[in-house]
Structures are given as C-alpha cells and as structure tokens.
Amino acid sequence: IVVQPEELYYLTGFYTIGDSAPQALVLPHDGEPFLVARLIECDLVPKLSWVSKVWTCPDKASVSEVFMYAITAANVQDGR
C-alpha cells in the first residue's frame, strides 16, 4: 500500500494538486493494482497513469470505509 504522493507519482505517473487528500495505491501480490482516490480524480487517473482500476471516494464519504470496501472487493484483505 503506497500513500505518499511522491511515491504514487514515481510508481504510476499520477499527480494531482489534491495530494493532501487521502489516496492510496494498492499493489496486491496476486491481482491488478488499483488506486483509491477522490471522486474528482477519476477522470485523471487513466489519463496520467497506467493504473486502470480506481475506487473513488466522494468528498463526504469516509475514506477508510471506501478503502476497506476496495480491499475486500479485490480480495486482498489477508495480504502481507
């Protein structure tokens, strides 16, 4: 799980001026990497990075709940 904006940019090419908002890149051992980002970023991710799967979080939603939902849906909750 990568959360630092600099590391997200280095690994994916994705950069946003909204980097103070919670966001994360999840790199599962067996599975497709995905980003958890603000809803407003959903159009930017495919344009600025190679990551094709994005879980979005509306501004009023709980980022931790969206993150846990994404982890569970991707079946990586038992990772190392």
PDB file of N, CA and C in Angstrom:
ATOM      1  N   ILE A   1       0.861  -1.171   0.000  1.00  0.00           N
ATOM      2  CA  ILE A   1       0.000   0.000   0.000  1.00  0.00           C
ATOM      3  C   ILE A   1       0.905   1.231   0.000  1.00  0.00           C
ATOM      4  N   VAL A   2       0.704   2.091  -0.967  1.00  0.00           N
ATOM      5  CA  VAL A   2       1.519   3.296  -1.118  1.00  0.00           C
ATOM      6  C   VAL A   2       0.610   4.508  -0.927  1.00  0.00           C
ATOM      7  N   VAL A   3       0.994   5.409  -0.029  1.00  0.00           N
ATOM      8  CA  VAL A   3       0.154   6.578   0.240  1.00  0.00           C
ATOM      9  C   VAL A   3       0.868   7.917   0.041  1.00  0.00           C
ATOM     10  N   GLN A   4       2.180   7.920   0.012  1.00  0.00           N
ATOM     11  CA  GLN A   4       2.924   9.166  -0.166  1.00  0.00           C
ATOM     12  C   GLN A   4       2.766   9.675  -1.597  1.00  0.00           C
ATOM     13  N   PRO A   5       2.390  10.950  -1.791  1.00  0.00           N
ATOM     14  CA  PRO A   5       2.186  11.487  -3.138  1.00  0.00           C
ATOM     15  C   PRO A   5       3.401  11.318  -4.057  1.00  0.00           C
ATOM     16  N   GLU A   6       4.602  11.494  -3.507  1.00  0.00           N
ATOM     17  CA  GLU A   6       5.810  11.357  -4.322  1.00  0.00           C
ATOM     18  C   GLU A   6       5.980   9.926  -4.816  1.00  0.00           C
ATOM     19  N   GLU A   7       5.697   8.972  -3.953  1.00  0.00           N
ATOM     20  CA  GLU A   7       5.826   7.557  -4.319  1.00  0.00           C
ATOM     21  C   GLU A   7       4.734   7.149  -5.309  1.00  0.00           C
ATOM     22  N   LEU A   8       3.523   7.688  -5.119  1.00  0.00           N
ATOM     23  CA  LEU A   8       2.444   7.428  -6.080  1.00  0.00           C
ATOM     24  C   LEU A   8       2.843   7.925  -7.466  1.00  0.00           C
ATOM     25  N   TYR A   9       3.417   9.114  -7.517  1.00  0.00           N
ATOM     26  CA  TYR A   9       3.846   9.677  -8.799  1.00  0.00           C
ATOM     27  C   TYR A   9       4.965   8.831  -9.411  1.00  0.00           C
ATOM     28  N   TYR A  10       5.934   8.453  -8.617  1.00  0.00           N
ATOM     29  CA  TYR A  10       7.064   7.660  -9.108  1.00  0.00           C
ATOM     30  C   TYR A  10       6.603   6.317  -9.679  1.00  0.00           C
ATOM     31  N   LEU A  11       5.685   5.667  -8.994  1.00  0.00           N
ATOM     32  CA  LEU A  11       5.234   4.334  -9.415  1.00  0.00           C
ATOM     33  C   LEU A  11       4.197   4.347 -10.527  1.00  0.00           C
ATOM     34  N   THR A  12       3.389   5.408 -10.602  1.00  0.00           N
ATOM     35  CA  THR A  12       2.265   5.392 -11.541  1.00  0.00           C
ATOM     36  C   THR A  12       2.264   6.530 -12.562  1.00  0.00           C
ATOM     37  N   GLY A  13       2.960   7.618 -12.258  1.00  0.00           N
ATOM     38  CA  GLY A  13       2.887   8.801 -13.109  1.00  0.00           C
ATOM     39  C   GLY A  13       1.710   9.692 -12.760  1.00  0.00           C
ATOM     40  N   PHE A  14       0.898   9.278 -11.796  1.00  0.00           N
ATOM     41  CA  PHE A  14      -0.289  10.049 -11.410  1.00  0.00           C
ATOM     42  C   PHE A  14       0.102  11.142 -10.432  1.00  0.00           C
ATOM     43  N   TYR A  15      -0.272  12.370 -10.778  1.00  0.00           N
ATOM     44  CA  TYR A  15      -0.035  13.518  -9.913  1.00  0.00           C
ATOM     45  C   TYR A  15      -1.294  14.369  -9.880  1.00  0.00           C
ATOM     46  N   THR A  16      -1.606  14.876  -8.711  1.00  0.00           N
ATOM     47  CA  THR A  16      -2.757  15.748  -8.550  1.00  0.00           C
ATOM     48  C   THR A  16      -2.416  16.855  -7.577  1.00  0.00           C
ATOM     49  N   ILE A  17      -2.981  18.034  -7.790  1.00  0.00           N
ATOM     50  CA  ILE A  17      -2.770  19.107  -6.820  1.00  0.00           C
ATOM     51  C   ILE A  17      -3.537  18.834  -5.534  1.00  0.00           C
ATOM     52  N   GLY A  18      -4.422  17.867  -5.584  1.00  0.00           N
ATOM     53  CA  GLY A  18      -5.180  17.482  -4.403  1.00  0.00           C
ATOM     54  C   GLY A  18      -4.479  16.405  -3.594  1.00  0.00           C
ATOM     55  N   ASP A  19      -3.144  16.404  -3.600  1.00  0.00           N
ATOM     56  CA  ASP A  19      -2.423  15.321  -2.939  1.00  0.00           C
ATOM     57  C   ASP A  19      -2.487  15.372  -1.413  1.00  0.00           C
ATOM     58  N   SER A  20      -3.093  16.419  -0.863  1.00  0.00           N
ATOM     59  CA  SER A  20      -3.275  16.439   0.586  1.00  0.00           C
ATOM     60  C   SER A  20      -4.484  15.591   1.002  1.00  0.00           C
ATOM     61  N   ALA A  21      -5.319  15.248   0.036  1.00  0.00           N
ATOM     62  CA  ALA A  21      -6.470  14.373   0.313  1.00  0.00           C
ATOM     63  C   ALA A  21      -5.990  12.926   0.371  1.00  0.00           C
ATOM     64  N   PRO A  22      -6.612  12.108   1.191  1.00  0.00           N
ATOM     65  CA  PRO A  22      -6.208  10.710   1.276  1.00  0.00           C
ATOM     66  C   PRO A  22      -6.328  10.004  -0.082  1.00  0.00           C
ATOM     67  N   GLN A  23      -5.292   9.268  -0.430  1.00  0.00           N
ATOM     68  CA  GLN A  23      -5.285   8.451  -1.633  1.00  0.00           C
ATOM     69  C   GLN A  23      -4.303   7.322  -1.408  1.00  0.00           C
ATOM     70  N   ALA A  24      -4.483   6.229  -2.116  1.00  0.00           N
ATOM     71  CA  ALA A  24      -3.602   5.080  -1.923  1.00  0.00           C
ATOM     72  C   ALA A  24      -3.514   4.250  -3.194  1.00  0.00           C
ATOM     73  N   LEU A  25      -2.329   3.721  -3.426  1.00  0.00           N
ATOM     74  CA  LEU A  25      -2.103   2.736  -4.474  1.00  0.00           C
ATOM     75  C   LEU A  25      -1.955   1.395  -3.784  1.00  0.00           C
ATOM     76  N   VAL A  26      -2.742   0.428  -4.199  1.00  0.00           N
ATOM     77  CA  VAL A  26      -2.663  -0.916  -3.627  1.00  0.00           C
ATOM     78  C   VAL A  26      -2.060  -1.824  -4.679  1.00  0.00           C
ATOM     79  N   LEU A  27      -0.982  -2.508  -4.289  1.00  0.00           N
ATOM     80  CA  LEU A  27      -0.265  -3.428  -5.175  1.00  0.00           C
ATOM     81  C   LEU A  27      -0.400  -4.838  -4.619  1.00  0.00           C
ATOM     82  N   PRO A  28      -1.484  -5.531  -4.955  1.00  0.00           N
ATOM     83  CA  PRO A  28      -1.691  -6.880  -4.433  1.00  0.00           C
ATOM     84  C   PRO A  28      -0.630  -7.845  -4.959  1.00  0.00           C
ATOM     85  N   HIS A  29      -0.320  -8.825  -4.152  1.00  0.00           N
ATOM     86  CA  HIS A  29       0.637  -9.858  -4.565  1.00  0.00           C
ATOM     87  C   HIS A  29       0.125 -10.605  -5.782  1.00  0.00           C
ATOM     88  N   ASP A  30      -1.132 -10.986  -5.756  1.00  0.00           N
ATOM     89  CA  ASP A  30      -1.776 -11.675  -6.881  1.00  0.00           C
ATOM     90  C   ASP A  30      -3.013 -10.894  -7.286  1.00  0.00           C
ATOM     91  N   GLY A  31      -2.878 -10.022  -8.233  1.00  0.00           N
ATOM     92  CA  GLY A  31      -4.032  -9.248  -8.671  1.00  0.00           C
ATOM     93  C   GLY A  31      -3.624  -7.942  -9.307  1.00  0.00           C
ATOM     94  N   GLU A  32      -4.622  -7.249  -9.813  1.00  0.00           N
ATOM     95  CA  GLU A  32      -4.401  -5.990 -10.512  1.00  0.00           C
ATOM     96  C   GLU A  32      -4.248  -4.835  -9.517  1.00  0.00           C
ATOM     97  N   PRO A  33      -3.207  -4.019  -9.677  1.00  0.00           N
ATOM     98  CA  PRO A  33      -3.058  -2.840  -8.810  1.00  0.00           C
ATOM     99  C   PRO A  33      -4.235  -1.880  -9.006  1.00  0.00           C
ATOM    100  N   PHE A  34      -4.557  -1.135  -7.970  1.00  0.00           N
ATOM    101  CA  PHE A  34      -5.632  -0.162  -8.080  1.00  0.00           C
ATOM    102  C   PHE A  34      -5.362   1.024  -7.173  1.00  0.00           C
ATOM    103  N   LEU A  35      -6.016   2.125  -7.501  1.00  0.00           N
ATOM    104  CA  LEU A  35      -5.925   3.345  -6.715  1.00  0.00           C
ATOM    105  C   LEU A  35      -7.226   3.584  -5.969  1.00  0.00           C
ATOM    106  N   VAL A  36      -7.110   4.150  -4.798  1.00  0.00           N
ATOM    107  CA  VAL A  36      -8.256   4.693  -4.074  1.00  0.00           C
ATOM    108  C   VAL A  36      -8.012   6.192  -4.045  1.00  0.00           C
ATOM    109  N   ALA A  37      -8.903   6.953  -4.655  1.00  0.00           N
ATOM    110  CA  ALA A  37      -8.710   8.395  -4.783  1.00  0.00           C
ATOM    111  C   ALA A  37     -10.045   9.124  -4.674  1.00  0.00           C
ATOM    112  N   ARG A  38      -9.971  10.433  -4.568  1.00  0.00           N
ATOM    113  CA  ARG A  38     -11.189  11.236  -4.517  1.00  0.00           C
ATOM    114  C   ARG A  38     -11.971  11.081  -5.812  1.00  0.00           C
ATOM    115  N   LEU A  39     -13.265  11.216  -5.724  1.00  0.00           N
ATOM    116  CA  LEU A  39     -14.148  11.083  -6.879  1.00  0.00           C
ATOM    117  C   LEU A  39     -13.752  12.037  -8.010  1.00  0.00           C
ATOM    118  N   ILE A  40     -13.332  13.231  -7.676  1.00  0.00           N
ATOM    119  CA  ILE A  40     -12.977  14.218  -8.689  1.00  0.00           C
ATOM    120  C   ILE A  40     -11.752  13.789  -9.518  1.00  0.00           C
ATOM    121  N   GLU A  41     -10.964  12.853  -9.011  1.00  0.00           N
ATOM    122  CA  GLU A  41      -9.755  12.400  -9.696  1.00  0.00           C
ATOM    123  C   GLU A  41     -10.012  11.263 -10.692  1.00  0.00           C
ATOM    124  N   CYS A  42     -11.221  10.722 -10.732  1.00  0.00           N
ATOM    125  CA  CYS A  42     -11.465   9.508 -11.515  1.00  0.00           C
ATOM    126  C   CYS A  42     -11.178   9.670 -13.008  1.00  0.00           C
ATOM    127  N   ASP A  43     -11.352  10.854 -13.559  1.00  0.00           N
ATOM    128  CA  ASP A  43     -11.040  11.072 -14.972  1.00  0.00           C
ATOM    129  C   ASP A  43      -9.547  11.260 -15.218  1.00  0.00           C
ATOM    130  N   LEU A  44      -8.826  11.741 -14.211  1.00  0.00           N
ATOM    131  CA  LEU A  44      -7.394  11.984 -14.371  1.00  0.00           C
ATOM    132  C   LEU A  44      -6.547  10.720 -14.315  1.00  0.00           C
ATOM    133  N   VAL A  45      -6.954   9.781 -13.487  1.00  0.00           N
ATOM    134  CA  VAL A  45      -6.125   8.587 -13.288  1.00  0.00           C
ATOM    135  C   VAL A  45      -5.807   7.870 -14.602  1.00  0.00           C
ATOM    136  N   PRO A  46      -6.781   7.530 -15.446  1.00  0.00           N
ATOM    137  CA  PRO A  46      -6.427   6.830 -16.686  1.00  0.00           C
ATOM    138  C   PRO A  46      -5.647   7.693 -17.675  1.00  0.00           C
ATOM    139  N   LYS A  47      -5.764   9.005 -17.559  1.00  0.00           N
ATOM    140  CA  LYS A  47      -5.033   9.898 -18.468  1.00  0.00           C
ATOM    141  C   LYS A  47      -3.581  10.095 -18.046  1.00  0.00           C
ATOM    142  N   LEU A  48      -3.318  10.019 -16.736  1.00  0.00           N
ATOM    143  CA  LEU A  48      -1.990  10.333 -16.219  1.00  0.00           C
ATOM    144  C   LEU A  48      -1.203   9.127 -15.717  1.00  0.00           C
ATOM    145  N   SER A  49      -1.803   7.949 -15.739  1.00  0.00           N
ATOM    146  CA  SER A  49      -1.088   6.783 -15.215  1.00  0.00           C
ATOM    147  C   SER A  49      -1.479   5.516 -15.974  1.00  0.00           C
ATOM    148  N   TRP A  50      -0.785   4.453 -15.657  1.00  0.00           N
ATOM    149  CA  TRP A  50      -1.064   3.154 -16.267  1.00  0.00           C
ATOM    150  C   TRP A  50      -2.114   2.383 -15.468  1.00  0.00           C
ATOM    151  N   VAL A  51      -2.488   2.882 -14.300  1.00  0.00           N
ATOM    152  CA  VAL A  51      -3.458   2.190 -13.446  1.00  0.00           C
ATOM    153  C   VAL A  51      -4.842   2.304 -14.069  1.00  0.00           C
ATOM    154  N   SER A  52      -5.489   1.169 -14.281  1.00  0.00           N
ATOM    155  CA  SER A  52      -6.804   1.201 -14.930  1.00  0.00           C
ATOM    156  C   SER A  52      -7.967   1.028 -13.954  1.00  0.00           C
ATOM    157  N   LYS A  53      -7.680   0.567 -12.769  1.00  0.00           N
ATOM    158  CA  LYS A  53      -8.744   0.333 -11.790  1.00  0.00           C
ATOM    159  C   LYS A  53      -8.666   1.391 -10.693  1.00  0.00           C
ATOM    160  N   VAL A  54      -9.785   2.101 -10.493  1.00  0.00           N
ATOM    161  CA  VAL A  54      -9.822   3.172  -9.495  1.00  0.00           C
ATOM    162  C   VAL A  54     -11.080   3.030  -8.650  1.00  0.00           C
ATOM    163  N   TRP A  55     -10.909   3.076  -7.355  1.00  0.00           N
ATOM    164  CA  TRP A  55     -12.036   3.151  -6.423  1.00  0.00           C
ATOM    165  C   TRP A  55     -12.112   4.603  -5.998  1.00  0.00           C
ATOM    166  N   THR A  56     -13.264   5.200  -6.158  1.00  0.00           N
ATOM    167  CA  THR A  56     -13.387   6.617  -5.851  1.00  0.00           C
ATOM    168  C   THR A  56     -14.123   6.861  -4.548  1.00  0.00           C
ATOM    169  N   CYS A  57     -13.776   7.976  -3.949  1.00  0.00           N
ATOM    170  CA  CYS A  57     -14.364   8.358  -2.682  1.00  0.00           C
ATOM    171  C   CYS A  57     -14.935   9.766  -2.804  1.00  0.00           C
ATOM    172  N   PRO A  58     -16.259   9.908  -2.762  1.00  0.00           N
ATOM    173  CA  PRO A  58     -16.846  11.249  -2.763  1.00  0.00           C
ATOM    174  C   PRO A  58     -16.345  12.042  -1.553  1.00  0.00           C
ATOM    175  N   ASP A  59     -16.324  13.340  -1.669  1.00  0.00           N
ATOM    176  CA  ASP A  59     -15.770  14.187  -0.610  1.00  0.00           C
ATOM    177  C   ASP A  59     -16.431  13.979   0.750  1.00  0.00           C
ATOM    178  N   LYS A  60     -17.703  13.646   0.766  1.00  0.00           N
ATOM    179  CA  LYS A  60     -18.400  13.482   2.050  1.00  0.00           C
ATOM    180  C   LYS A  60     -18.352  12.056   2.589  1.00  0.00           C
ATOM    181  N   ALA A  61     -17.778  11.139   1.828  1.00  0.00           N
ATOM    182  CA  ALA A  61     -17.709   9.737   2.258  1.00  0.00           C
ATOM    183  C   ALA A  61     -16.503   9.512   3.171  1.00  0.00           C
ATOM    184  N   SER A  62     -16.551   8.435   3.893  1.00  0.00           N
ATOM    185  CA  SER A  62     -15.434   8.043   4.744  1.00  0.00           C
ATOM    186  C   SER A  62     -14.380   7.340   3.886  1.00  0.00           C
ATOM    187  N   VAL A  63     -13.196   7.926   3.823  1.00  0.00           N
ATOM    188  CA  VAL A  63     -12.120   7.343   3.027  1.00  0.00           C
ATOM    189  C   VAL A  63     -11.762   5.952   3.548  1.00  0.00           C
ATOM    190  N   SER A  64     -11.751   5.788   4.850  1.00  0.00           N
ATOM    191  CA  SER A  64     -11.401   4.477   5.409  1.00  0.00           C
ATOM    192  C   SER A  64     -12.427   3.416   5.019  1.00  0.00           C
ATOM    193  N   GLU A  65     -13.707   3.773   4.963  1.00  0.00           N
ATOM    194  CA  GLU A  65     -14.728   2.810   4.553  1.00  0.00           C
ATOM    195  C   GLU A  65     -14.587   2.442   3.077  1.00  0.00           C
ATOM    196  N   VAL A  66     -14.320   3.432   2.223  1.00  0.00           N
ATOM    197  CA  VAL A  66     -14.121   3.158   0.801  1.00  0.00           C
ATOM    198  C   VAL A  66     -12.882   2.287   0.616  1.00  0.00           C
ATOM    199  N   PHE A  67     -11.818   2.603   1.347  1.00  0.00           N
ATOM    200  CA  PHE A  67     -10.589   1.822   1.255  1.00  0.00           C
ATOM    201  C   PHE A  67     -10.831   0.370   1.666  1.00  0.00           C
ATOM    202  N   MET A  68     -11.501   0.168   2.778  1.00  0.00           N
ATOM    203  CA  MET A  68     -11.766  -1.196   3.248  1.00  0.00           C
ATOM    204  C   MET A  68     -12.683  -1.936   2.281  1.00  0.00           C
ATOM    205  N   TYR A  69     -13.642  -1.253   1.693  1.00  0.00           N
ATOM    206  CA  TYR A  69     -14.512  -1.877   0.700  1.00  0.00           C
ATOM    207  C   TYR A  69     -13.690  -2.313  -0.509  1.00  0.00           C
ATOM    208  N   ALA A  70     -12.790  -1.447  -0.972  1.00  0.00           N
ATOM    209  CA  ALA A  70     -11.952  -1.774  -2.130  1.00  0.00           C
ATOM    210  C   ALA A  70     -11.040  -2.955  -1.832  1.00  0.00           C
ATOM    211  N   ILE A  71     -10.444  -2.968  -0.656  1.00  0.00           N
ATOM    212  CA  ILE A  71      -9.562  -4.077  -0.258  1.00  0.00           C
ATOM    213  C   ILE A  71     -10.345  -5.383  -0.211  1.00  0.00           C
ATOM    214  N   THR A  72     -11.531  -5.336   0.359  1.00  0.00           N
ATOM    215  CA  THR A  72     -12.364  -6.536   0.459  1.00  0.00           C
ATOM    216  C   THR A  72     -12.818  -6.999  -0.923  1.00  0.00           C
ATOM    217  N   ALA A  73     -13.263  -6.077  -1.761  1.00  0.00           N
ATOM    218  CA  ALA A  73     -13.730  -6.434  -3.102  1.00  0.00           C
ATOM    219  C   ALA A  73     -12.607  -7.002  -3.962  1.00  0.00           C
ATOM    220  N   ALA A  74     -11.385  -6.517  -3.740  1.00  0.00           N
ATOM    221  CA  ALA A  74     -10.239  -7.022  -4.502  1.00  0.00           C
ATOM    222  C   ALA A  74      -9.676  -8.304  -3.895  1.00  0.00           C
ATOM    223  N   ASN A  75     -10.242  -8.715  -2.773  1.00  0.00           N
ATOM    224  CA  ASN A  75      -9.846  -9.955  -2.097  1.00  0.00           C
ATOM    225  C   ASN A  75      -8.370  -9.930  -1.678  1.00  0.00           C
ATOM    226  N   VAL A  76      -7.925  -8.804  -1.155  1.00  0.00           N
ATOM    227  CA  VAL A  76      -6.550  -8.703  -0.696  1.00  0.00           C
ATOM    228  C   VAL A  76      -6.458  -8.381   0.799  1.00  0.00           C
ATOM    229  N   GLN A  77      -7.542  -8.578   1.520  1.00  0.00           N
ATOM    230  CA  GLN A  77      -7.544  -8.233   2.935  1.00  0.00           C
ATOM    231  C   GLN A  77      -6.615  -9.096   3.766  1.00  0.00           C
ATOM    232  N   ASP A  78      -6.195 -10.248   3.263  1.00  0.00           N
ATOM    233  CA  ASP A  78      -5.293 -11.122   4.012  1.00  0.00           C
ATOM    234  C   ASP A  78      -3.864 -11.013   3.512  1.00  0.00           C
ATOM    235  N   GLY A  79      -3.498  -9.862   2.952  1.00  0.00           N
ATOM    236  CA  GLY A  79      -2.152  -9.669   2.396  1.00  0.00           C
ATOM    237  C   GLY A  79      -1.082  -9.602   3.458  1.00  0.00           C
ATOM    238  N   ARG A  80       0.152  -9.498   2.951  1.00  0.00           N
ATOM    239  CA  ARG A  80       1.289  -9.443   3.880  1.00  0.00           C
ATOM    240  C   ARG A  80       1.713  -8.025   4.102  1.00  0.00           C
TER     241      ARG A  80
END
